[in-house]
Amino acid sequence: MNRRNFLKTSALGLALAASPISISALDTPIRKSSRPGRLNLSFEPYELKLRHSFNLARSQRTTTPGVQVQIEYDGIVGYGEASMPPYLGETVESVCTFLSKLDLAQFSDPFRIEEIHEYMESVAPDNRAAKASVDIALHDLTGKIMGQPWHKIWGLNPDKCPNTSYTISYDADPAEMKAKIDECEGFKIIKVKMGVGHDKEVVEALRKRSDVPICVDANQGWTDKQAALDMCNWLAERGCVFVEQPMPKEMIAETAWLRERSPLPLIADEFLQRLPDVTRAAEAYDGINIKLMKSTGLHEAHKMAILARALGMKVMLGCMTETSCAVTAAAQLSPMVDWADLDGNLLIANDRFDGLKIVDGKVTIHPDRPGIGVELLG
């Protein structure tokens, strides 16, 4: 791509990033020149609209910025996406800028996923969600070329997909809090977002309605190790299965102290990003939560799960607020994990894809739909 075309593409990406994006904007994606026998990349910003406000330990939001990606090869299209909650440090602008720098048309073989990852690393460091969007689209594309879903390519049994948790967070509005609890009906495990100062209230409200097991995500919200231990003991008495990222990721010694005393397993989330972090996590946590937007996609996520198992750790598979594209891609790995938190598509009101289903609380993926297992709606 020459300098003039690069600047034109980048300027368009920045302009789109600065304005609200609707479904109609998807009719005019940012495209690079299409070449037969080559990988052809296109992408467009897409804002995810949450069904309810998302109240975390350090933030509150009603939308999540995203970028939708397509990679075409000889008439076959693979879908991917980047979802960027604020703590990831990526934006629509940064993702579009990174994707604009990629020249995937230099590759004539879409199966060279390892080589393409090496190329993306050479273009710029970090940009994990941006790289994940390409990785997901490549897996979708190559699976479609082979006519097989990725769980089958990996030798995984879809019947072993776990139940997924359904996420709720505290809301000061009683009616809104009741609506959130109502939506948990039918799920076998409920995930409670904590660290916002009303931790026990949500659990007590749930326990008035249901005895379904819960898991807890403190989102680094507990900073006192003794108070964290007291909370773990309190939660263990109320049917909690595990606690995710109880303390700030920098507090490694305090987390290790807590693990030695906690009756509940501790799972690393914000602490864990990519493959090298798995071994570090084993020093302070009982398990890891793998998310495609942090791991740069399925290619590395698969390696992380294998390494964690080798280290004797529990494995959880999570997601951000995403469309069914990225969530269903992650679900292809779910038969090899202990726990799943794959409800991100259920939390948004403007999904673009048909993909995984939750049947009686269980992650259910199409046994034969090729690639990552999604179809574009409309």
Protein backbone atom coordinates (compact mmCIF):
# COMPACT_ATOMS: atom_id res chain seq x y z
CA MET A 1 0.00 0.00 0.00
CA ASN A 2 1.46 3.42 -0.96
CA ARG A 3 1.66 6.33 1.45
CA ARG A 4 -1.37 8.15 0.03
CA ASN A 5 -3.63 5.09 0.33
CA PHE A 6 -2.34 4.33 3.83
CA LEU A 7 -3.10 7.86 5.03
CA LYS A 8 -6.54 7.72 3.42
CA THR A 9 -7.37 4.41 5.13
CA SER A 10 -6.02 5.59 8.47
CA ALA A 11 -7.93 8.86 8.28
CA LEU A 12 -11.15 7.01 7.55
CA GLY A 13 -10.56 4.68 10.49
CA LEU A 14 -9.95 7.64 12.82
CA ALA A 15 -13.01 9.46 11.57
CA LEU A 16 -15.20 6.42 12.19
CA ALA A 17 -13.67 5.91 15.61
CA ALA A 18 -14.64 9.46 16.60
CA SER A 19 -18.34 9.06 15.76
CA PRO A 20 -21.09 6.69 16.95
CA ILE A 21 -21.31 3.54 14.85
CA SER A 22 -24.58 1.89 13.93
CA ILE A 23 -25.35 -1.33 12.10
CA SER A 24 -25.84 0.67 8.90
CA ALA A 25 -22.18 1.74 9.04
CA LEU A 26 -21.21 -1.88 8.38
CA ASP A 27 -22.27 -1.43 4.77
CA THR A 28 -19.10 0.57 4.14
CA PRO A 29 -16.20 -1.34 5.74
CA ILE A 30 -12.61 -0.23 5.47
CA ARG A 31 -11.10 -2.47 2.81
CA LYS A 32 -7.71 -3.10 1.35
CA SER A 33 -7.28 -4.12 -2.27
CA SER A 34 -8.58 -7.62 -2.96
CA ARG A 35 -6.18 -10.05 -4.62
CA PRO A 36 -7.04 -13.64 -5.60
CA GLY A 37 -4.98 -16.30 -3.84
CA ARG A 38 -4.09 -13.80 -1.11
CA LEU A 39 -5.48 -12.81 2.29
CA ASN A 40 -7.66 -9.70 2.01
CA LEU A 41 -8.42 -7.79 5.20
CA SER A 42 -11.34 -5.45 5.89
CA PHE A 43 -12.57 -3.95 9.15
CA GLU A 44 -14.99 -1.43 10.66
CA PRO A 45 -15.70 0.00 14.12
CA TYR A 46 -18.79 -1.34 15.87
CA GLU A 47 -19.98 -0.16 19.28
CA LEU A 48 -21.49 -2.86 21.49
CA LYS A 49 -24.54 -1.69 23.41
CA LEU A 50 -24.99 -3.33 26.82
CA ARG A 51 -28.40 -4.50 27.98
CA HIS A 52 -27.65 -3.21 31.50
CA SER A 53 -24.98 -0.92 32.91
CA PHE A 54 -21.80 -2.79 33.81
CA ASN A 55 -20.67 -1.83 37.32
CA LEU A 56 -17.11 -2.92 38.12
CA ALA A 57 -14.72 -2.20 40.98
CA ARG A 58 -13.11 0.68 39.10
CA SER A 59 -15.59 1.77 36.43
CA GLN A 60 -19.15 1.85 35.11
CA ARG A 61 -20.19 1.69 31.45
CA THR A 62 -23.15 1.03 29.15
CA THR A 63 -21.20 0.39 25.92
CA THR A 64 -18.03 -1.34 24.81
CA PRO A 65 -16.05 -0.16 21.77
CA GLY A 66 -15.31 -2.82 19.18
CA VAL A 67 -14.01 -3.44 15.69
CA GLN A 68 -15.40 -6.09 13.34
CA VAL A 69 -12.95 -7.82 10.99
CA GLN A 70 -13.20 -9.94 7.85
CA ILE A 71 -10.48 -11.85 6.04
CA GLU A 72 -11.37 -13.06 2.56
CA TYR A 73 -9.45 -15.70 0.61
CA ASP A 74 -10.64 -16.87 -2.82
CA GLY A 75 -14.25 -16.08 -2.04
CA ILE A 76 -14.30 -17.59 1.47
CA VAL A 77 -14.73 -15.13 4.37
CA GLY A 78 -13.55 -15.53 7.95
CA TYR A 79 -15.00 -13.32 10.70
CA GLY A 80 -13.21 -11.86 13.69
CA GLU A 81 -13.55 -9.04 16.16
CA ALA A 82 -11.74 -6.90 18.70
CA SER A 83 -13.56 -5.83 21.86
CA MET A 84 -11.89 -3.20 24.00
CA PRO A 85 -13.11 -2.66 27.56
CA PRO A 86 -11.22 0.33 29.03
CA TYR A 87 -8.76 -1.62 31.18
CA LEU A 88 -7.18 -3.29 28.13
CA GLY A 89 -5.67 0.03 27.07
CA GLU A 90 -6.81 -0.34 23.46
CA THR A 91 -9.23 1.88 21.57
CA VAL A 92 -11.07 1.84 18.26
CA GLU A 93 -8.42 4.28 17.03
CA SER A 94 -5.49 2.11 18.12
CA VAL A 95 -7.03 -1.07 16.66
CA CYS A 96 -7.85 0.57 13.32
CA THR A 97 -4.37 2.08 13.18
CA PHE A 98 -2.75 -1.30 13.83
CA LEU A 99 -4.93 -3.13 11.30
CA SER A 100 -4.19 -0.43 8.71
CA LYS A 101 -0.49 -1.23 9.03
CA LEU A 102 -0.95 -4.91 8.23
CA ASP A 103 -0.26 -6.22 4.74
CA LEU A 104 -1.87 -9.64 4.89
CA ALA A 105 -1.97 -9.77 1.08
CA GLN A 106 1.68 -10.86 1.23
CA PHE A 107 0.44 -14.23 2.50
CA SER A 108 -0.85 -16.76 0.00
CA ASP A 109 -1.45 -19.49 2.59
CA PRO A 110 -4.00 -18.75 5.36
CA PHE A 111 -2.87 -21.84 7.29
CA ARG A 112 0.42 -20.20 8.24
CA ILE A 113 -1.13 -18.84 11.43
CA GLU A 114 2.10 -19.06 13.44
CA GLU A 115 3.96 -17.10 10.77
CA ILE A 116 1.20 -14.49 10.58
CA HIS A 117 1.35 -14.05 14.36
CA GLU A 118 5.10 -13.53 14.14
CA TYR A 119 4.50 -10.94 11.45
CA MET A 120 1.92 -9.11 13.58
CA GLU A 121 4.34 -9.06 16.52
CA SER A 122 6.96 -7.48 14.24
CA VAL A 123 4.55 -4.73 13.16
CA ALA A 124 3.94 -3.47 16.72
CA PRO A 125 4.02 -4.82 20.29
CA ASP A 126 0.94 -5.16 22.49
CA ASN A 127 -2.31 -4.50 20.50
CA ARG A 128 -3.61 -7.80 21.84
CA ALA A 129 -7.28 -7.32 20.95
CA ALA A 130 -6.34 -6.11 17.47
CA LYS A 131 -4.22 -9.21 16.92
CA ALA A 132 -6.99 -11.39 18.34
CA SER A 133 -9.41 -10.06 15.73
CA VAL A 134 -7.10 -11.24 12.96
CA ASP A 135 -6.44 -14.57 14.68
CA ILE A 136 -10.15 -15.30 15.11
CA ALA A 137 -10.85 -14.47 11.47
CA LEU A 138 -7.97 -16.73 10.37
CA HIS A 139 -9.32 -19.64 12.42
CA ASP A 140 -12.77 -19.08 10.99
CA LEU A 141 -11.37 -18.92 7.45
CA THR A 142 -9.13 -21.99 7.70
CA GLY A 143 -11.82 -24.02 9.42
CA LYS A 144 -14.21 -23.17 6.59
CA ILE A 145 -11.61 -24.15 3.99
CA MET A 146 -11.24 -27.54 5.74
CA GLY A 147 -15.00 -27.79 6.28
CA GLN A 148 -14.47 -28.52 9.99
CA PRO A 149 -15.11 -26.70 13.29
CA TRP A 150 -12.04 -25.96 15.37
CA HIS A 151 -13.09 -28.08 18.35
CA LYS A 152 -12.98 -31.08 16.00
CA ILE A 153 -9.63 -30.04 14.53
CA TRP A 154 -8.23 -29.90 18.09
CA GLY A 155 -9.77 -33.30 18.85
CA LEU A 156 -12.19 -31.96 21.47
CA ASN A 157 -15.61 -33.41 22.29
CA PRO A 158 -18.37 -30.75 22.21
CA ASP A 159 -20.41 -32.85 24.64
CA LYS A 160 -17.82 -31.91 27.28
CA CYS A 161 -18.51 -28.18 27.06
CA PRO A 162 -19.07 -26.87 30.63
CA ASN A 163 -21.88 -24.81 32.05
CA THR A 164 -21.32 -21.10 31.66
CA SER A 165 -21.73 -18.58 34.42
CA TYR A 166 -24.00 -15.59 33.87
CA THR A 167 -22.64 -12.27 35.08
CA ILE A 168 -24.43 -9.72 37.22
CA SER A 169 -23.20 -6.65 39.10
CA TYR A 170 -24.63 -4.44 41.83
CA ASP A 171 -27.12 -1.75 40.95
CA ALA A 172 -28.46 0.86 43.35
CA ASP A 173 -31.82 0.81 41.59
CA PRO A 174 -33.82 -2.05 43.19
CA ALA A 175 -35.86 -2.59 40.03
CA GLU A 176 -32.72 -2.84 37.90
CA MET A 177 -31.10 -5.17 40.43
CA LYS A 178 -34.20 -7.39 40.35
CA ALA A 179 -34.15 -7.41 36.53
CA LYS A 180 -30.53 -8.57 36.57
CA ILE A 181 -31.33 -11.41 38.97
CA ASP A 182 -34.37 -12.40 36.90
CA GLU A 183 -32.12 -12.89 33.86
CA CYS A 184 -30.08 -15.48 35.78
CA GLU A 185 -32.96 -17.93 35.63
CA GLY A 186 -31.91 -21.21 34.05
CA PHE A 187 -28.16 -20.81 34.61
CA LYS A 188 -26.33 -23.37 36.75
CA ILE A 189 -23.74 -20.92 38.09
CA ILE A 190 -23.89 -17.15 38.54
CA LYS A 191 -20.92 -14.81 38.42
CA VAL A 192 -21.05 -11.82 40.75
CA LYS A 193 -18.96 -8.73 40.04
CA MET A 194 -17.58 -7.39 43.32
CA GLY A 195 -15.26 -4.75 44.69
CA VAL A 196 -17.76 -1.86 44.44
CA GLY A 197 -18.63 -1.55 48.12
CA HIS A 198 -21.84 -3.60 48.07
CA ASP A 199 -20.36 -7.05 47.74
CA LYS A 200 -22.50 -8.85 50.31
CA GLU A 201 -25.73 -7.18 49.20
CA VAL A 202 -25.68 -8.83 45.78
CA VAL A 203 -25.03 -12.28 47.23
CA GLU A 204 -27.72 -11.86 49.87
CA ALA A 205 -30.21 -10.69 47.23
CA LEU A 206 -29.38 -13.75 45.13
CA ARG A 207 -29.68 -16.14 48.04
CA LYS A 208 -33.22 -14.92 48.72
CA ARG A 209 -34.12 -16.23 45.27
CA SER A 210 -31.82 -19.13 44.50
CA ASP A 211 -29.29 -21.59 45.90
CA VAL A 212 -27.45 -21.92 42.54
CA PRO A 213 -23.65 -21.95 43.02
CA ILE A 214 -21.90 -18.65 42.46
CA CYS A 215 -18.42 -17.52 41.54
CA VAL A 216 -17.03 -14.10 42.31
CA ASP A 217 -14.93 -11.63 40.34
CA ALA A 218 -13.47 -8.90 42.53
CA ASN A 219 -11.76 -7.19 39.58
CA GLN A 220 -8.76 -6.31 41.80
CA GLY A 221 -11.14 -4.54 44.19
CA TRP A 222 -9.91 -6.02 47.49
CA THR A 223 -6.75 -4.36 48.77
CA ASP A 224 -6.55 -5.66 52.35
CA LYS A 225 -5.48 -9.29 52.54
CA GLN A 226 -7.16 -10.02 55.87
CA ALA A 227 -10.43 -8.48 54.70
CA ALA A 228 -10.10 -10.52 51.49
CA LEU A 229 -9.65 -13.70 53.54
CA ASP A 230 -12.69 -12.84 55.66
CA MET A 231 -14.72 -12.37 52.47
CA CYS A 232 -13.50 -15.69 51.04
CA ASN A 233 -14.60 -17.46 54.22
CA TRP A 234 -17.98 -15.69 54.10
CA LEU A 235 -18.46 -16.62 50.44
CA ALA A 236 -17.47 -20.26 51.01
CA GLU A 237 -20.38 -20.54 53.45
CA ARG A 238 -22.76 -19.27 50.76
CA GLY A 239 -22.06 -21.64 47.92
CA CYS A 240 -19.19 -19.87 46.17
CA VAL A 241 -17.01 -22.01 43.89
CA PHE A 242 -13.99 -19.73 43.32
CA VAL A 243 -12.80 -16.12 43.48
CA GLU A 244 -11.40 -14.40 40.42
CA GLN A 245 -8.70 -11.72 40.71
CA PRO A 246 -9.36 -10.85 44.36
CA MET A 247 -6.52 -8.33 44.73
CA PRO A 248 -4.65 -5.88 42.46
CA LYS A 249 -2.39 -7.71 40.05
CA GLU A 250 0.69 -6.00 41.52
CA MET A 251 0.01 -7.50 44.97
CA ILE A 252 1.57 -10.87 44.19
CA ALA A 253 2.91 -11.60 47.70
CA GLU A 254 -0.43 -10.70 49.30
CA THR A 255 -2.30 -12.89 46.82
CA ALA A 256 0.03 -15.80 47.54
CA TRP A 257 -0.64 -15.26 51.26
CA LEU A 258 -4.36 -15.32 50.58
CA ARG A 259 -4.12 -18.50 48.50
CA GLU A 260 -2.43 -20.35 51.35
CA ARG A 261 -5.37 -19.56 53.64
CA SER A 262 -8.42 -19.25 51.41
CA PRO A 263 -11.00 -22.06 51.37
CA LEU A 264 -11.74 -21.09 47.75
CA PRO A 265 -9.49 -21.36 44.67
CA LEU A 266 -8.09 -18.06 43.38
CA ILE A 267 -8.16 -17.47 39.62
CA ALA A 268 -5.89 -15.00 37.82
CA ASP A 269 -7.55 -12.61 35.37
CA GLU A 270 -6.06 -9.11 35.07
CA PHE A 271 -2.75 -10.58 36.26
CA LEU A 272 -2.70 -12.88 33.27
CA GLN A 273 -2.28 -11.69 29.71
CA ARG A 274 -0.29 -14.06 27.53
CA LEU A 275 1.61 -17.36 27.54
CA PRO A 276 4.66 -16.24 29.61
CA ASP A 277 2.31 -15.10 32.39
CA VAL A 278 0.98 -18.62 33.02
CA THR A 279 4.11 -19.79 34.84
CA ARG A 280 4.18 -16.57 36.90
CA ALA A 281 0.53 -17.04 37.83
CA ALA A 282 1.30 -20.46 39.29
CA GLU A 283 3.21 -18.71 42.08
CA ALA A 284 0.11 -17.02 43.53
CA TYR A 285 -3.02 -18.47 41.95
CA ASP A 286 -4.77 -21.82 41.67
CA GLY A 287 -5.91 -21.26 38.11
CA ILE A 288 -6.08 -18.89 35.17
CA ASN A 289 -8.82 -17.18 33.19
CA ILE A 290 -7.98 -17.17 29.48
CA LYS A 291 -9.58 -14.49 27.32
CA LEU A 292 -8.99 -14.17 23.59
CA MET A 293 -8.75 -10.37 23.73
CA LYS A 294 -5.77 -10.69 26.06
CA SER A 295 -4.08 -13.76 24.59
CA THR A 296 -4.07 -12.42 20.98
CA GLY A 297 -6.58 -15.08 19.99
CA LEU A 298 -7.15 -18.82 19.79
CA HIS A 299 -3.63 -19.74 18.68
CA GLU A 300 -2.00 -18.67 21.94
CA ALA A 301 -5.04 -19.39 24.12
CA HIS A 302 -4.77 -23.07 23.19
CA LYS A 303 -1.11 -23.09 24.21
CA MET A 304 -1.94 -21.37 27.51
CA ALA A 305 -4.53 -23.99 28.42
CA ILE A 306 -2.09 -26.81 27.72
CA LEU A 307 0.66 -25.18 29.81
CA ALA A 308 -1.68 -24.49 32.72
CA ARG A 309 -2.72 -28.14 32.75
CA ALA A 310 0.93 -29.19 32.75
CA LEU A 311 1.45 -26.97 35.82
CA GLY A 312 -1.48 -28.56 37.63
CA MET A 313 -3.63 -25.44 37.44
CA LYS A 314 -7.35 -25.02 36.91
CA VAL A 315 -8.43 -23.44 33.63
CA MET A 316 -11.25 -21.00 33.12
CA LEU A 317 -12.32 -19.62 29.76
CA GLY A 318 -13.70 -16.10 29.78
CA CYS A 319 -14.65 -13.29 27.47
CA MET A 320 -15.27 -9.57 27.33
CA THR A 321 -18.58 -8.10 26.25
CA GLU A 322 -18.40 -9.37 22.68
CA THR A 323 -20.66 -10.44 19.85
CA SER A 324 -21.27 -14.14 19.28
CA CYS A 325 -18.29 -14.06 16.91
CA ALA A 326 -15.54 -13.93 19.55
CA VAL A 327 -17.57 -15.74 22.23
CA THR A 328 -18.29 -18.69 19.94
CA ALA A 329 -14.64 -18.75 18.86
CA ALA A 330 -13.63 -19.10 22.51
CA ALA A 331 -16.27 -21.79 22.99
CA GLN A 332 -14.38 -24.01 20.54
CA LEU A 333 -11.82 -24.41 23.35
CA SER A 334 -14.36 -24.92 26.11
CA PRO A 335 -14.34 -28.76 26.22
CA MET A 336 -10.81 -28.61 27.65
CA VAL A 337 -11.51 -26.23 30.58
CA ASP A 338 -12.92 -26.52 34.10
CA TRP A 339 -15.11 -23.42 34.06
CA ALA A 340 -16.54 -21.13 31.41
CA ASP A 341 -17.72 -17.55 31.58
CA LEU A 342 -18.98 -17.21 28.02
CA ASP A 343 -21.94 -14.89 28.36
CA GLY A 344 -20.54 -11.74 26.74
CA ASN A 345 -22.89 -11.99 23.77
CA LEU A 346 -25.88 -12.30 26.10
CA LEU A 347 -25.02 -8.98 27.72
CA ILE A 348 -25.32 -6.93 24.52
CA ALA A 349 -28.37 -5.78 22.58
CA ASN A 350 -26.91 -5.61 19.06
CA ASP A 351 -25.32 -8.97 18.27
CA ARG A 352 -24.43 -9.48 14.58
CA PHE A 353 -23.99 -13.25 14.62
CA ASP A 354 -25.69 -16.53 15.32
CA GLY A 355 -23.34 -18.79 17.22
CA LEU A 356 -23.13 -20.69 20.48
CA LYS A 357 -26.28 -21.36 22.45
CA ILE A 358 -26.77 -21.75 26.17
CA VAL A 359 -29.01 -24.77 26.69
CA ASP A 360 -30.07 -25.41 30.28
CA GLY A 361 -27.06 -23.40 31.40
CA LYS A 362 -24.57 -25.36 29.28
CA VAL A 363 -22.32 -24.00 26.52
CA THR A 364 -23.58 -25.59 23.31
CA ILE A 365 -21.74 -25.25 20.01
CA HIS A 366 -22.83 -26.51 16.63
CA PRO A 367 -21.13 -29.90 16.17
CA ASP A 368 -20.45 -29.45 12.45
CA ARG A 369 -20.62 -25.74 11.56
CA PRO A 370 -17.10 -25.06 10.21
CA GLY A 371 -14.56 -22.53 11.44
CA ILE A 372 -15.42 -20.80 14.67
CA GLY A 373 -19.06 -21.81 14.26
CA VAL A 374 -20.89 -18.56 13.50
CA GLU A 375 -23.13 -17.20 10.77
CA LEU A 376 -23.69 -13.52 10.02
CA LEU A 377 -27.24 -12.38 10.74
CA GLY A 378 -29.30 -10.49 8.18
